[in-house]
C-alpha atoms as a PDB file:
ATOM      1  CA  MET A   1      -8.553 -24.840  -2.808  1.00  0.00           C
ATOM      2  CA  GLN A   2      -6.540 -21.787  -0.733  1.00  0.00           C
ATOM      3  CA  ILE A   3      -7.078 -19.920   2.454  1.00  0.00           C
ATOM      4  CA  ALA A   4     -10.476 -17.616   2.379  1.00  0.00           C
ATOM      5  CA  SER A   5     -10.991 -14.148   2.656  1.00  0.00           C
ATOM      6  CA  PRO A   6      -9.686 -12.577   5.807  1.00  0.00           C
ATOM      7  CA  ASN A   7     -11.929 -12.312   9.109  1.00  0.00           C
ATOM      8  CA  PHE A   8     -10.706  -8.773  10.031  1.00  0.00           C
ATOM      9  CA  ILE A   9     -10.461  -8.450  13.825  1.00  0.00           C
ATOM     10  CA  HIS A  10      -8.860  -4.783  14.325  1.00  0.00           C
ATOM     11  CA  PHE A  11      -8.507  -1.456  12.579  1.00  0.00           C
ATOM     12  CA  ARG A  12      -7.011   1.499  13.642  1.00  0.00           C
ATOM     13  CA  ILE A  13      -5.799   5.041  12.063  1.00  0.00           C
ATOM     14  CA  ARG A  14      -3.395   7.352  13.535  1.00  0.00           C
ATOM     15  CA  TRP A  15      -3.204  11.040  12.048  1.00  0.00           C
ATOM     16  CA  GLN A  16      -0.517  13.322  12.901  1.00  0.00           C
ATOM     17  CA  ILE A  17      -2.176  16.635  13.652  1.00  0.00           C
ATOM     18  CA  LEU A  18      -0.626  20.134  12.907  1.00  0.00           C
ATOM     19  CA  GLY A  19      -2.251  23.554  14.044  1.00  0.00           C
ATOM     20  CA  PRO A  20      -4.291  22.540  16.789  1.00  0.00           C
ATOM     21  CA  ASP A  21      -2.553  25.373  19.418  1.00  0.00           C
ATOM     22  CA  SER A  22      -2.805  27.786  16.916  1.00  0.00           C
ATOM     23  CA  PRO A  23      -4.960  31.001  17.528  1.00  0.00           C
ATOM     24  CA  GLY A  24      -8.878  29.936  17.711  1.00  0.00           C
ATOM     25  CA  GLN A  25      -8.363  26.199  17.877  1.00  0.00           C
ATOM     26  CA  GLY A  26      -7.168  25.382  21.942  1.00  0.00           C
ATOM     27  CA  LEU A  27      -7.669  21.929  23.425  1.00  0.00           C
ATOM     28  CA  GLU A  28     -10.375  23.385  25.882  1.00  0.00           C
ATOM     29  CA  ARG A  29     -12.655  20.876  26.681  1.00  0.00           C
ATOM     30  CA  ALA A  30     -15.523  22.973  25.102  1.00  0.00           C
ATOM     31  CA  MET A  31     -13.812  21.949  21.798  1.00  0.00           C
ATOM     32  CA  PHE A  32     -13.341  18.809  22.268  1.00  0.00           C
ATOM     33  CA  GLN A  33     -16.752  17.896  23.435  1.00  0.00           C
ATOM     34  CA  ARG A  34     -18.324  19.783  20.408  1.00  0.00           C
ATOM     35  CA  PHE A  35     -16.086  17.382  18.280  1.00  0.00           C
ATOM     36  CA  PHE A  36     -16.990  14.265  19.818  1.00  0.00           C
ATOM     37  CA  ASP A  37     -21.234  15.513  20.310  1.00  0.00           C
ATOM     38  CA  GLU A  38     -20.448  15.792  16.030  1.00  0.00           C
ATOM     39  CA  LEU A  39     -19.353  12.540  15.833  1.00  0.00           C
ATOM     40  CA  ASN A  40     -21.635  11.107  18.282  1.00  0.00           C
ATOM     41  CA  SER A  41     -24.866  12.377  16.430  1.00  0.00           C
ATOM     42  CA  ASN A  42     -23.881  10.259  13.313  1.00  0.00           C
ATOM     43  CA  PRO A  43     -26.479   7.548  13.711  1.00  0.00           C
ATOM     44  CA  GLU A  44     -24.026   4.496  11.979  1.00  0.00           C
ATOM     45  CA  PHE A  45     -21.059   5.165  14.133  1.00  0.00           C
ATOM     46  CA  GLY A  46     -22.418   7.432  16.845  1.00  0.00           C
ATOM     47  CA  GLU A  47     -23.433   5.783  20.214  1.00  0.00           C
ATOM     48  CA  TYR A  48     -20.488   6.392  22.070  1.00  0.00           C
ATOM     49  CA  ASP A  49     -21.152   6.482  25.804  1.00  0.00           C
ATOM     50  CA  ASP A  50     -17.646   7.602  27.316  1.00  0.00           C
ATOM     51  CA  PHE A  51     -16.175  10.905  27.249  1.00  0.00           C
ATOM     52  CA  SER A  52     -12.933  11.932  29.060  1.00  0.00           C
ATOM     53  CA  TYR A  53     -10.680  14.624  29.001  1.00  0.00           C
ATOM     54  CA  ARG A  54      -7.347  15.826  30.081  1.00  0.00           C
ATOM     55  CA  PRO A  55      -5.651  18.705  28.815  1.00  0.00           C
ATOM     56  CA  ASP A  56      -3.452  15.899  26.992  1.00  0.00           C
ATOM     57  CA  ARG A  57      -6.040  13.356  26.193  1.00  0.00           C
ATOM     58  CA  CYS A  58      -8.877  13.572  24.907  1.00  0.00           C
ATOM     59  CA  GLN A  59     -11.105  10.257  24.420  1.00  0.00           C
ATOM     60  CA  LEU A  60     -14.422   9.241  22.996  1.00  0.00           C
ATOM     61  CA  ALA A  61     -15.039   5.202  23.811  1.00  0.00           C
ATOM     62  CA  LYS A  62     -17.928   2.676  23.568  1.00  0.00           C
ATOM     63  CA  SER A  63     -17.401  -0.694  24.907  1.00  0.00           C
ATOM     64  CA  ARG A  64     -18.798  -3.502  23.524  1.00  0.00           C
ATOM     65  CA  GLY A  65     -18.038  -6.170  26.290  1.00  0.00           C
ATOM     66  CA  THR A  66     -16.133  -9.447  25.824  1.00  0.00           C
ATOM     67  CA  ALA A  67     -14.894 -10.590  22.248  1.00  0.00           C
ATOM     68  CA  GLN A  68     -16.117 -14.634  21.750  1.00  0.00           C
ATOM     69  CA  GLN A  69     -12.118 -14.727  20.919  1.00  0.00           C
ATOM     70  CA  GLY A  70     -10.984 -13.592  23.978  1.00  0.00           C
ATOM     71  CA  GLY A  71      -9.721  -9.617  25.155  1.00  0.00           C
ATOM     72  CA  GLN A  72     -12.453  -6.613  25.351  1.00  0.00           C
ATOM     73  CA  ALA A  73     -13.708  -5.148  22.290  1.00  0.00           C
ATOM     74  CA  PHE A  74     -14.354  -1.525  21.999  1.00  0.00           C
ATOM     75  CA  SER A  75     -14.159   1.852  20.069  1.00  0.00           C
ATOM     76  CA  LYS A  76     -12.217   4.520  20.466  1.00  0.00           C
ATOM     77  CA  VAL A  77     -11.363   7.992  19.204  1.00  0.00           C
ATOM     78  CA  VAL A  78      -8.411   9.380  21.053  1.00  0.00           C
ATOM     79  CA  TYR A  79      -6.510  12.790  20.317  1.00  0.00           C
ATOM     80  CA  SER A  80      -3.270  13.015  22.319  1.00  0.00           C
ATOM     81  CA  GLN A  81       0.178  13.952  21.602  1.00  0.00           C
ATOM     82  CA  ASP A  82      -1.156  15.971  18.765  1.00  0.00           C
ATOM     83  CA  ALA A  83      -2.438  12.756  17.188  1.00  0.00           C
ATOM     84  CA  LEU A  84      -5.951  12.071  16.165  1.00  0.00           C
ATOM     85  CA  SER A  85      -6.686   7.789  16.150  1.00  0.00           C
ATOM     86  CA  VAL A  86      -9.401   6.065  15.743  1.00  0.00           C
ATOM     87  CA  VAL A  87      -9.560   2.036  17.094  1.00  0.00           C
ATOM     88  CA  GLU A  88     -11.814  -0.760  16.369  1.00  0.00           C
ATOM     89  CA  GLU A  89     -10.711  -3.383  18.932  1.00  0.00           C
ATOM     90  CA  PHE A  90     -12.311  -7.182  17.933  1.00  0.00           C
ATOM     91  CA  THR A  91     -14.674  -4.839  15.263  1.00  0.00           C
ATOM     92  CA  GLU A  92     -18.447  -5.533  14.235  1.00  0.00           C
ATOM     93  CA  LEU A  93     -17.125  -3.459  11.226  1.00  0.00           C
ATOM     94  CA  SER A  94     -16.032  -4.468   7.629  1.00  0.00           C
ATOM     95  CA  ALA A  95     -13.162  -2.991   5.790  1.00  0.00           C
ATOM     96  CA  ASP A  96     -15.529  -0.510   4.109  1.00  0.00           C
ATOM     97  CA  GLU A  97     -17.362   0.537   7.024  1.00  0.00           C
ATOM     98  CA  PHE A  98     -14.177   1.010   8.787  1.00  0.00           C
ATOM     99  CA  SER A  99     -13.141   3.248   5.695  1.00  0.00           C
ATOM    100  CA  GLN A 100     -16.049   5.012   6.032  1.00  0.00           C
ATOM    101  CA  LYS A 101     -15.940   5.745   9.389  1.00  0.00           C
ATOM    102  CA  ILE A 102     -12.256   7.420   8.673  1.00  0.00           C
ATOM    103  CA  LYS A 103     -14.470  10.050   6.815  1.00  0.00           C
ATOM    104  CA  VAL A 104     -16.869  10.716   8.930  1.00  0.00           C
ATOM    105  CA  VAL A 105     -14.261  11.137  11.994  1.00  0.00           C
ATOM    106  CA  LEU A 106     -12.377  13.663   9.639  1.00  0.00           C
ATOM    107  CA  SER A 107     -15.256  15.633   8.407  1.00  0.00           C
ATOM    108  CA  CYS A 108     -16.510  15.850  12.436  1.00  0.00           C
ATOM    109  CA  TRP A 109     -12.336  16.813  13.365  1.00  0.00           C
ATOM    110  CA  PHE A 110     -12.770  19.779  10.470  1.00  0.00           C
ATOM    111  CA  LYS A 111     -15.687  21.141  11.300  1.00  0.00           C
ATOM    112  CA  CYS A 112     -14.693  21.698  15.016  1.00  0.00           C
ATOM    113  CA  PHE A 113     -10.943  22.279  14.073  1.00  0.00           C
ATOM    114  CA  SER A 114     -10.775  24.052  10.671  1.00  0.00           C
ATOM    115  CA  GLN A 115      -7.604  25.271  10.605  1.00  0.00           C
ATOM    116  CA  THR A 116      -5.467  22.049  11.435  1.00  0.00           C
ATOM    117  CA  CYS A 117      -4.373  19.434   9.046  1.00  0.00           C
ATOM    118  CA  ALA A 118      -2.867  15.916   8.599  1.00  0.00           C
ATOM    119  CA  ILE A 119       0.449  15.399   7.569  1.00  0.00           C
ATOM    120  CA  ALA A 120       1.066  11.596   7.715  1.00  0.00           C
ATOM    121  CA  GLN A 121      -0.833   8.556   8.623  1.00  0.00           C
ATOM    122  CA  THR A 122      -0.494   5.446  10.320  1.00  0.00           C
ATOM    123  CA  SER A 123      -2.874   2.604   9.393  1.00  0.00           C
ATOM    124  CA  CYS A 124      -3.010  -0.991  10.944  1.00  0.00           C
ATOM    125  CA  LEU A 125      -5.297  -3.862   9.910  1.00  0.00           C
ATOM    126  CA  ARG A 126      -5.148  -7.737  12.000  1.00  0.00           C
ATOM    127  CA  ALA A 127      -6.920 -10.211  10.383  1.00  0.00           C
ATOM    128  CA  LEU A 128      -7.442 -13.988  10.884  1.00  0.00           C
ATOM    129  CA  VAL A 129      -6.897 -16.676   8.561  1.00  0.00           C
ATOM    130  CA  THR A 130      -7.317 -20.378   8.364  1.00  0.00           C
ATOM    131  CA  PRO A 131      -4.776 -22.382   6.489  1.00  0.00           C
ATOM    132  CA  VAL A 132      -6.713 -25.013   4.395  1.00  0.00           C
ATOM    133  CA  HIS A 133      -4.234 -28.060   4.780  1.00  0.00           C
ATOM    134  CA  PHE A 134      -2.834 -27.845   8.441  1.00  0.00           C
ATOM    135  CA  GLN A 135      -4.815 -28.596  11.077  1.00  0.00           C
ATOM    136  CA  ASN A 136      -2.559 -26.411  13.553  1.00  0.00           C
ATOM    137  CA  SER A 137      -1.375 -23.302  12.590  1.00  0.00           C
ATOM    138  CA  ARG A 138       2.111 -23.822  15.012  1.00  0.00           C
ATOM    139  CA  ASP A 139       2.653 -26.102  12.312  1.00  0.00           C
ATOM    140  CA  PHE A 140       1.623 -24.080   9.448  1.00  0.00           C
ATOM    141  CA  LEU A 141       3.927 -21.711  10.561  1.00  0.00           C
ATOM    142  CA  ALA A 142       6.916 -23.702  11.866  1.00  0.00           C
ATOM    143  CA  ASN A 143       6.888 -26.552   9.270  1.00  0.00           C
ATOM    144  CA  GLY A 144       4.709 -25.636   6.118  1.00  0.00           C
ATOM    145  CA  VAL A 145       6.013 -21.804   6.263  1.00  0.00           C
ATOM    146  CA  LEU A 146       9.575 -21.780   8.218  1.00  0.00           C
ATOM    147  CA  LYS A 147      10.519 -25.241   7.814  1.00  0.00           C
ATOM    148  CA  ILE A 148      11.971 -24.628  11.491  1.00  0.00           C
ATOM    149  CA  GLY A 149       9.650 -27.359  13.140  1.00  0.00           C
ATOM    150  CA  PRO A 150      11.917 -30.025  13.644  1.00  0.00           C
ATOM    151  CA  ALA A 151      14.893 -28.048  15.120  1.00  0.00           C
ATOM    152  CA  LEU A 152      12.684 -25.809  17.369  1.00  0.00           C
ATOM    153  CA  LYS A 153      11.607 -29.739  18.856  1.00  0.00           C
ATOM    154  CA  GLU A 154      14.753 -30.788  19.270  1.00  0.00           C
ATOM    155  CA  LYS A 155      15.590 -27.732  21.136  1.00  0.00           C
ATOM    156  CA  LEU A 156      12.378 -27.066  23.184  1.00  0.00           C
ATOM    157  CA  ASP A 157      11.359 -30.304  23.231  1.00  0.00           C
ATOM    158  CA  ASP A 158       8.296 -29.261  21.513  1.00  0.00           C
ATOM    159  CA  LEU A 159       6.765 -26.556  19.698  1.00  0.00           C
ATOM    160  CA  PRO A 160       6.400 -23.066  21.319  1.00  0.00           C
ATOM    161  CA  HIS A 161       2.637 -22.145  22.167  1.00  0.00           C
ATOM    162  CA  SER A 162       3.349 -19.166  19.244  1.00  0.00           C
ATOM    163  CA  VAL A 163       5.161 -19.331  16.123  1.00  0.00           C
ATOM    164  CA  GLY A 164       5.512 -16.390  13.045  1.00  0.00           C
ATOM    165  CA  PHE A 165       7.540 -14.076  11.801  1.00  0.00           C
ATOM    166  CA  ASN A 166       7.437 -10.606  10.346  1.00  0.00           C
ATOM    167  CA  PHE A 167       8.806  -8.896   7.431  1.00  0.00           C
ATOM    168  CA  ALA A 168       8.798  -5.038   6.087  1.00  0.00           C
ATOM    169  CA  CYS A 169       9.038  -3.509   2.719  1.00  0.00           C
ATOM    170  CA  GLN A 170       8.123  -0.571   1.440  1.00  0.00           C
ATOM    171  CA  ARG A 171       5.609  -0.153  -2.032  1.00  0.00           C
ATOM    172  CA  LYS A 172       5.122   3.362  -4.166  1.00  0.00           C
ATOM    173  CA  PRO A 173       1.602   3.482  -5.233  1.00  0.00           C
ATOM    174  CA  GLY A 174       1.265   6.774  -7.395  1.00  0.00           C
ATOM    175  CA  ASN A 175       4.098   9.202  -6.113  1.00  0.00           C
ATOM    176  CA  THR A 176       4.343   8.460  -1.768  1.00  0.00           C
ATOM    177  CA  PRO A 177       6.257   5.743  -1.105  1.00  0.00           C
ATOM    178  CA  MET A 178       4.207   3.239   2.235  1.00  0.00           C
ATOM    179  CA  ASN A 179       6.442   1.828   4.262  1.00  0.00           C
ATOM    180  CA  LEU A 180       4.956  -1.486   5.145  1.00  0.00           C
ATOM    181  CA  GLU A 181       5.606  -4.424   8.480  1.00  0.00           C
ATOM    182  CA  ALA A 182       3.559  -7.586   8.152  1.00  0.00           C
ATOM    183  CA  LYS A 183       3.691  -9.776  10.886  1.00  0.00           C
ATOM    184  CA  ALA A 184       2.119 -13.283  11.025  1.00  0.00           C
ATOM    185  CA  SER A 185       1.562 -15.901  14.003  1.00  0.00           C
ATOM    186  CA  SER A 186      -0.385 -18.676  15.277  1.00  0.00           C
ATOM    187  CA  TRP A 187      -3.444 -17.513  17.023  1.00  0.00           C
ATOM    188  CA  ARG A 188      -4.797 -18.874  20.336  1.00  0.00           C
ATOM    189  CA  ASP A 189      -7.187 -21.121  19.427  1.00  0.00           C
ATOM    190  CA  GLY A 190      -5.048 -23.407  17.336  1.00  0.00           C
ATOM    191  CA  ARG A 191      -6.074 -23.208  13.506  1.00  0.00           C
ATOM    192  CA  ALA A 192      -6.274 -19.707  12.668  1.00  0.00           C
ATOM    193  CA  VAL A 193      -2.807 -17.448  11.749  1.00  0.00           C
ATOM    194  CA  TRP A 194      -2.876 -14.331  13.278  1.00  0.00           C
ATOM    195  CA  ILE A 195      -2.397 -11.428  10.349  1.00  0.00           C
ATOM    196  CA  GLU A 196      -0.719  -7.404  11.045  1.00  0.00           C
ATOM    197  CA  VAL A 197      -0.326  -5.190   8.297  1.00  0.00           C
ATOM    198  CA  THR A 198       1.053  -1.489   9.469  1.00  0.00           C
ATOM    199  CA  GLY A 199       1.206   0.931   6.597  1.00  0.00           C
ATOM    200  CA  VAL A 200       3.283   4.201   7.564  1.00  0.00           C
ATOM    201  CA  ALA A 201       3.064   7.596   4.585  1.00  0.00           C
ATOM    202  CA  PRO A 202       3.462  11.003   4.419  1.00  0.00           C
ATOM    203  CA  MET A 203      -0.239  12.478   2.484  1.00  0.00           C
ATOM    204  CA  ASP A 204       0.445  13.511  -0.699  1.00  0.00           C
ATOM    205  CA  GLN A 205      -0.986  16.274  -0.054  1.00  0.00           C
ATOM    206  CA  PRO A 206      -1.994  17.615   3.916  1.00  0.00           C
ATOM    207  CA  LEU A 207      -5.632  16.427   4.613  1.00  0.00           C
ATOM    208  CA  ASN A 208      -7.698  19.488   5.887  1.00  0.00           C
ATOM    209  CA  ALA A 209     -11.146  20.819   5.767  1.00  0.00           C
ATOM    210  CA  VAL A 210     -11.216  21.025   2.179  1.00  0.00           C
ATOM    211  CA  LYS A 211      -9.682  17.564   0.621  1.00  0.00           C
ATOM    212  CA  HIS A 212      -9.294  14.538   3.129  1.00  0.00           C
ATOM    213  CA  ASP A 213     -10.491  11.524   1.234  1.00  0.00           C
ATOM    214  CA  GLN A 214      -6.983  10.560   0.423  1.00  0.00           C
ATOM    215  CA  ALA A 215      -7.603   9.094   4.168  1.00  0.00           C
ATOM    216  CA  GLN A 216      -9.352   6.136   2.909  1.00  0.00           C
ATOM    217  CA  VAL A 217      -6.942   5.969  -0.231  1.00  0.00           C
ATOM    218  CA  VAL A 218      -3.910   5.042   2.081  1.00  0.00           C
ATOM    219  CA  PHE A 219      -5.750   2.847   4.265  1.00  0.00           C
ATOM    220  CA  GLY A 220      -7.300   1.030   1.373  1.00  0.00           C
ATOM    221  CA  ARG A 221      -3.509   0.193   0.264  1.00  0.00           C
ATOM    222  CA  CYS A 222      -2.830  -1.545   3.429  1.00  0.00           C
ATOM    223  CA  LYS A 223      -6.284  -3.806   3.104  1.00  0.00           C
ATOM    224  CA  GLU A 224      -5.290  -4.102  -0.410  1.00  0.00           C
ATOM    225  CA  PHE A 225      -1.517  -4.953   0.626  1.00  0.00           C
ATOM    226  CA  LEU A 226      -2.567  -7.742   3.225  1.00  0.00           C
ATOM    227  CA  GLU A 227      -4.941  -9.253   0.803  1.00  0.00           C
ATOM    228  CA  SER A 228      -2.661  -9.192  -2.095  1.00  0.00           C
ATOM    229  CA  GLU A 229       0.438  -9.967  -0.941  1.00  0.00           C
ATOM    230  CA  VAL A 230       0.294 -11.609   2.619  1.00  0.00           C
ATOM    231  CA  ILE A 231      -2.748 -13.256   2.288  1.00  0.00           C
ATOM    232  CA  PRO A 232      -1.030 -15.169  -1.246  1.00  0.00           C
ATOM    233  CA  LEU A 233       2.442 -15.837   0.522  1.00  0.00           C
ATOM    234  CA  LEU A 234       0.617 -17.548   2.960  1.00  0.00           C
ATOM    235  CA  ASN A 235      -0.918 -19.614   0.161  1.00  0.00           C
ATOM    236  CA  VAL A 236       2.249 -20.708  -1.574  1.00  0.00           C
ATOM    237  CA  TYR A 237       2.963 -22.574   1.779  1.00  0.00           C
ATOM    238  CA  ASP A 238      -0.710 -24.150   2.264  1.00  0.00           C
ATOM    239  CA  ARG A 239      -0.669 -27.227  -0.120  1.00  0.00           C
ATOM    240  CA  GLU A 240      -2.484 -30.117  -0.309  1.00  0.00           C
ATOM    241  CA  GLY A 241       0.126 -33.044   0.934  1.00  0.00           C
ATOM    242  CA  THR A 242       2.033 -30.979   2.988  1.00  0.00           C
ATOM    243  CA  ASP A 243      -0.387 -31.691   6.282  1.00  0.00           C
END
């Protein structure tokens, strides 16, 4: 038996945007109000209830109360410092649903800011997975994966509250290299392992009002890396008889 499919708890997309200062685009409140009205009219991904505007930052947010795991659950769409971000914290969406939301957000953005383009994308996914053969994630990471549990206990009198590791690599799907960083650490419930994968990639072609499906492709590659490389790596160390 191996680690089950990940329980995604966080999605974040950030696009570097060029062109909002060009003639006819502007950063006025009315333009962003139109964008957020367009997005909020979507029956599946709308229902934002908080719109805030400053000349250097615009935000549409929706709070969903307190997540069971602890922390605030919310959805946000933010434009700040020439970047458009979409965030789902303690998400209620699946990865496929969030991928569809990416398409909706960009469609609304380019409808209102048609002369802009996105030249780079950062995608971040966080998930929880539970080892099968270890009852404690700190024990799994310290003893099963890193093999440093005894040394930590000797120097610190016990395992620290959080144990983890991170690594970075590059993948070249197609002609576009993607820089990836993966983190794994013990989670507050004591059983689960918290995983984060962040991928940064320039766009093969800038995203614009005509074509922006590539954003879903970049996000999908980060999800694939988490599921096809990071979790299998953990499975190598989650073996019967090692607990």
